[in-house]
């Protein structure tokens, strides 16, 4: 899942276009996990 988040952030593609076949997990799950961690202050 972390790889999926990094893929989206590094390529600039939209979350809905995250390729599921790469095995990163669903777009919604990656987006939700990123926002959960951001709210928890992980990236501060």
PDB file of N, CA and C in Angstrom:
ATOM      1  N   UNK A   1       0.818  -1.177   0.000  1.00  0.00           N
ATOM      2  CA  UNK A   1       0.000   0.000   0.000  1.00  0.00           C
ATOM      3  C   UNK A   1       0.873   1.256   0.000  1.00  0.00           C
ATOM      4  N   UNK A   2       1.933   1.267   0.767  1.00  0.00           N
ATOM      5  CA  UNK A   2       2.834   2.415   0.774  1.00  0.00           C
ATOM      6  C   UNK A   2       3.434   2.626  -0.610  1.00  0.00           C
ATOM      7  N   UNK A   3       3.707   1.549  -1.306  1.00  0.00           N
ATOM      8  CA  UNK A   3       4.236   1.657  -2.666  1.00  0.00           C
ATOM      9  C   UNK A   3       3.212   2.304  -3.594  1.00  0.00           C
ATOM     10  N   UNK A   4       1.945   1.996  -3.405  1.00  0.00           N
ATOM     11  CA  UNK A   4       0.892   2.607  -4.206  1.00  0.00           C
ATOM     12  C   UNK A   4       0.807   4.098  -3.975  1.00  0.00           C
ATOM     13  N   UNK A   5       0.915   4.513  -2.722  1.00  0.00           N
ATOM     14  CA  UNK A   5       0.900   5.936  -2.390  1.00  0.00           C
ATOM     15  C   UNK A   5       2.096   6.625  -3.035  1.00  0.00           C
ATOM     16  N   UNK A   6       3.274   6.021  -2.905  1.00  0.00           N
ATOM     17  CA  UNK A   6       4.479   6.603  -3.500  1.00  0.00           C
ATOM     18  C   UNK A   6       4.362   6.675  -5.017  1.00  0.00           C
ATOM     19  N   UNK A   7       3.766   5.667  -5.633  1.00  0.00           N
ATOM     20  CA  UNK A   7       3.594   5.651  -7.086  1.00  0.00           C
ATOM     21  C   UNK A   7       2.731   6.812  -7.543  1.00  0.00           C
ATOM     22  N   UNK A   8       1.613   7.013  -6.869  1.00  0.00           N
ATOM     23  CA  UNK A   8       0.712   8.111  -7.240  1.00  0.00           C
ATOM     24  C   UNK A   8       1.390   9.458  -7.026  1.00  0.00           C
ATOM     25  N   UNK A   9       2.040   9.630  -5.903  1.00  0.00           N
ATOM     26  CA  UNK A   9       2.671  10.913  -5.605  1.00  0.00           C
ATOM     27  C   UNK A   9       3.855  11.205  -6.529  1.00  0.00           C
ATOM     28  N   UNK A  10       4.594  10.173  -6.915  1.00  0.00           N
ATOM     29  CA  UNK A  10       5.765  10.403  -7.767  1.00  0.00           C
ATOM     30  C   UNK A  10       5.407  10.572  -9.238  1.00  0.00           C
ATOM     31  N   UNK A  11       4.322   9.936  -9.684  1.00  0.00           N
ATOM     32  CA  UNK A  11       3.953  10.035 -11.096  1.00  0.00           C
ATOM     33  C   UNK A  11       2.971  11.159 -11.359  1.00  0.00           C
ATOM     34  N   UNK A  12       2.205  11.550 -10.340  1.00  0.00           N
ATOM     35  CA  UNK A  12       1.225  12.611 -10.506  1.00  0.00           C
ATOM     36  C   UNK A  12      -0.090  12.150 -11.122  1.00  0.00           C
ATOM     37  N   UNK A  13      -0.277  10.839 -11.252  1.00  0.00           N
ATOM     38  CA  UNK A  13      -1.543  10.356 -11.785  1.00  0.00           C
ATOM     39  C   UNK A  13      -2.630  10.522 -10.741  1.00  0.00           C
ATOM     40  N   UNK A  14      -3.854  10.457 -11.151  1.00  0.00           N
ATOM     41  CA  UNK A  14      -4.963  10.533 -10.207  1.00  0.00           C
ATOM     42  C   UNK A  14      -5.135   9.226  -9.460  1.00  0.00           C
ATOM     43  N   UNK A  15      -5.709   9.315  -8.284  1.00  0.00           N
ATOM     44  CA  UNK A  15      -5.913   8.110  -7.477  1.00  0.00           C
ATOM     45  C   UNK A  15      -6.748   7.075  -8.206  1.00  0.00           C
ATOM     46  N   UNK A  16      -7.745   7.516  -8.949  1.00  0.00           N
ATOM     47  CA  UNK A  16      -8.627   6.587  -9.655  1.00  0.00           C
ATOM     48  C   UNK A  16      -7.900   5.840 -10.767  1.00  0.00           C
ATOM     49  N   UNK A  17      -6.748   6.330 -11.179  1.00  0.00           N
ATOM     50  CA  UNK A  17      -5.998   5.677 -12.254  1.00  0.00           C
ATOM     51  C   UNK A  17      -4.866   4.790 -11.734  1.00  0.00           C
ATOM     52  N   UNK A  18      -4.822   4.564 -10.434  1.00  0.00           N
ATOM     53  CA  UNK A  18      -3.798   3.690  -9.864  1.00  0.00           C
ATOM     54  C   UNK A  18      -3.999   2.277 -10.418  1.00  0.00           C
ATOM     55  N   UNK A  19      -2.995   1.724 -11.103  1.00  0.00           N
ATOM     56  CA  UNK A  19      -3.149   0.406 -11.718  1.00  0.00           C
ATOM     57  C   UNK A  19      -3.243  -0.706 -10.672  1.00  0.00           C
ATOM     58  N   UNK A  20      -4.399  -1.309 -10.547  1.00  0.00           N
ATOM     59  CA  UNK A  20      -4.619  -2.377  -9.569  1.00  0.00           C
ATOM     60  C   UNK A  20      -3.750  -3.589  -9.892  1.00  0.00           C
ATOM     61  N   UNK A  21      -3.487  -3.808 -11.168  1.00  0.00           N
ATOM     62  CA  UNK A  21      -2.708  -4.979 -11.563  1.00  0.00           C
ATOM     63  C   UNK A  21      -1.255  -4.920 -11.088  1.00  0.00           C
ATOM     64  N   UNK A  22      -0.789  -3.777 -10.639  1.00  0.00           N
ATOM     65  CA  UNK A  22       0.561  -3.681 -10.089  1.00  0.00           C
ATOM     66  C   UNK A  22       0.637  -4.207  -8.659  1.00  0.00           C
ATOM     67  N   UNK A  23      -0.506  -4.449  -8.049  1.00  0.00           N
ATOM     68  CA  UNK A  23      -0.529  -5.048  -6.726  1.00  0.00           C
ATOM     69  C   UNK A  23      -0.385  -4.063  -5.581  1.00  0.00           C
ATOM     70  N   UNK A  24      -0.674  -2.788  -5.825  1.00  0.00           N
ATOM     71  CA  UNK A  24      -0.533  -1.781  -4.774  1.00  0.00           C
ATOM     72  C   UNK A  24      -1.756  -1.689  -3.874  1.00  0.00           C
ATOM     73  N   UNK A  25      -2.820  -2.358  -4.198  1.00  0.00           N
ATOM     74  CA  UNK A  25      -4.063  -2.215  -3.459  1.00  0.00           C
ATOM     75  C   UNK A  25      -5.004  -1.296  -4.216  1.00  0.00           C
ATOM     76  N   UNK A  26      -6.174  -1.122  -3.685  1.00  0.00           N
ATOM     77  CA  UNK A  26      -7.152  -0.286  -4.383  1.00  0.00           C
ATOM     78  C   UNK A  26      -6.823   1.192  -4.232  1.00  0.00           C
ATOM     79  N   UNK A  27      -7.288   1.972  -5.181  1.00  0.00           N
ATOM     80  CA  UNK A  27      -7.057   3.408  -5.144  1.00  0.00           C
ATOM     81  C   UNK A  27      -7.657   4.037  -3.896  1.00  0.00           C
ATOM     82  N   UNK A  28      -8.858   3.628  -3.538  1.00  0.00           N
ATOM     83  CA  UNK A  28      -9.530   4.182  -2.372  1.00  0.00           C
ATOM     84  C   UNK A  28      -8.772   3.859  -1.082  1.00  0.00           C
ATOM     85  N   UNK A  29      -8.280   2.646  -0.956  1.00  0.00           N
ATOM     86  CA  UNK A  29      -7.557   2.255   0.250  1.00  0.00           C
ATOM     87  C   UNK A  29      -6.256   3.046   0.387  1.00  0.00           C
ATOM     88  N   UNK A  30      -5.518   3.183  -0.702  1.00  0.00           N
ATOM     89  CA  UNK A  30      -4.268   3.956  -0.656  1.00  0.00           C
ATOM     90  C   UNK A  30      -4.540   5.399  -0.286  1.00  0.00           C
ATOM     91  N   UNK A  31      -5.561   5.996  -0.883  1.00  0.00           N
ATOM     92  CA  UNK A  31      -5.911   7.393  -0.588  1.00  0.00           C
ATOM     93  C   UNK A  31      -6.286   7.555   0.883  1.00  0.00           C
ATOM     94  N   UNK A  32      -7.112   6.631   1.375  1.00  0.00           N
ATOM     95  CA  UNK A  32      -7.573   6.706   2.759  1.00  0.00           C
ATOM     96  C   UNK A  32      -6.401   6.563   3.727  1.00  0.00           C
ATOM     97  N   UNK A  33      -5.506   5.621   3.470  1.00  0.00           N
ATOM     98  CA  UNK A  33      -4.351   5.428   4.351  1.00  0.00           C
ATOM     99  C   UNK A  33      -3.447   6.657   4.361  1.00  0.00           C
ATOM    100  N   UNK A  34      -3.242   7.274   3.202  1.00  0.00           N
ATOM    101  CA  UNK A  34      -2.426   8.486   3.140  1.00  0.00           C
ATOM    102  C   UNK A  34      -3.039   9.574   4.010  1.00  0.00           C
ATOM    103  N   UNK A  35      -4.337   9.783   3.902  1.00  0.00           N
ATOM    104  CA  UNK A  35      -4.987  10.833   4.678  1.00  0.00           C
ATOM    105  C   UNK A  35      -5.057  10.505   6.168  1.00  0.00           C
ATOM    106  N   UNK A  36      -5.194   9.242   6.514  1.00  0.00           N
ATOM    107  CA  UNK A  36      -5.172   8.860   7.926  1.00  0.00           C
ATOM    108  C   UNK A  36      -3.819   9.192   8.547  1.00  0.00           C
ATOM    109  N   UNK A  37      -2.752   8.876   7.827  1.00  0.00           N
ATOM    110  CA  UNK A  37      -1.410   9.143   8.338  1.00  0.00           C
ATOM    111  C   UNK A  37      -1.103  10.633   8.374  1.00  0.00           C
ATOM    112  N   UNK A  38      -1.585  11.357   7.384  1.00  0.00           N
ATOM    113  CA  UNK A  38      -1.376  12.809   7.367  1.00  0.00           C
ATOM    114  C   UNK A  38      -2.074  13.461   8.556  1.00  0.00           C
ATOM    115  N   UNK A  39      -3.283  13.020   8.851  1.00  0.00           N
ATOM    116  CA  UNK A  39      -4.019  13.566   9.994  1.00  0.00           C
ATOM    117  C   UNK A  39      -3.373  13.194  11.313  1.00  0.00           C
ATOM    118  N   UNK A  40      -2.690  12.049  11.348  1.00  0.00           N
ATOM    119  CA  UNK A  40      -2.022  11.622  12.570  1.00  0.00           C
ATOM    120  C   UNK A  40      -0.687  12.332  12.782  1.00  0.00           C
ATOM    121  N   UNK A  41      -0.264  13.120  11.777  1.00  0.00           N
ATOM    122  CA  UNK A  41       0.975  13.878  11.909  1.00  0.00           C
ATOM    123  C   UNK A  41       2.225  13.131  11.498  1.00  0.00           C
ATOM    124  N   UNK A  42       2.073  12.048  10.784  1.00  0.00           N
ATOM    125  CA  UNK A  42       3.231  11.243  10.389  1.00  0.00           C
ATOM    126  C   UNK A  42       4.192  12.027   9.506  1.00  0.00           C
ATOM    127  N   UNK A  43       3.676  12.919   8.672  1.00  0.00           N
ATOM    128  CA  UNK A  43       4.514  13.629   7.708  1.00  0.00           C
ATOM    129  C   UNK A  43       4.960  15.002   8.192  1.00  0.00           C
ATOM    130  N   UNK A  44       4.663  15.345   9.421  1.00  0.00           N
ATOM    131  CA  UNK A  44       5.068  16.663   9.943  1.00  0.00           C
ATOM    132  C   UNK A  44       6.552  16.739  10.214  1.00  0.00           C
TER     133      UNK A  44
END
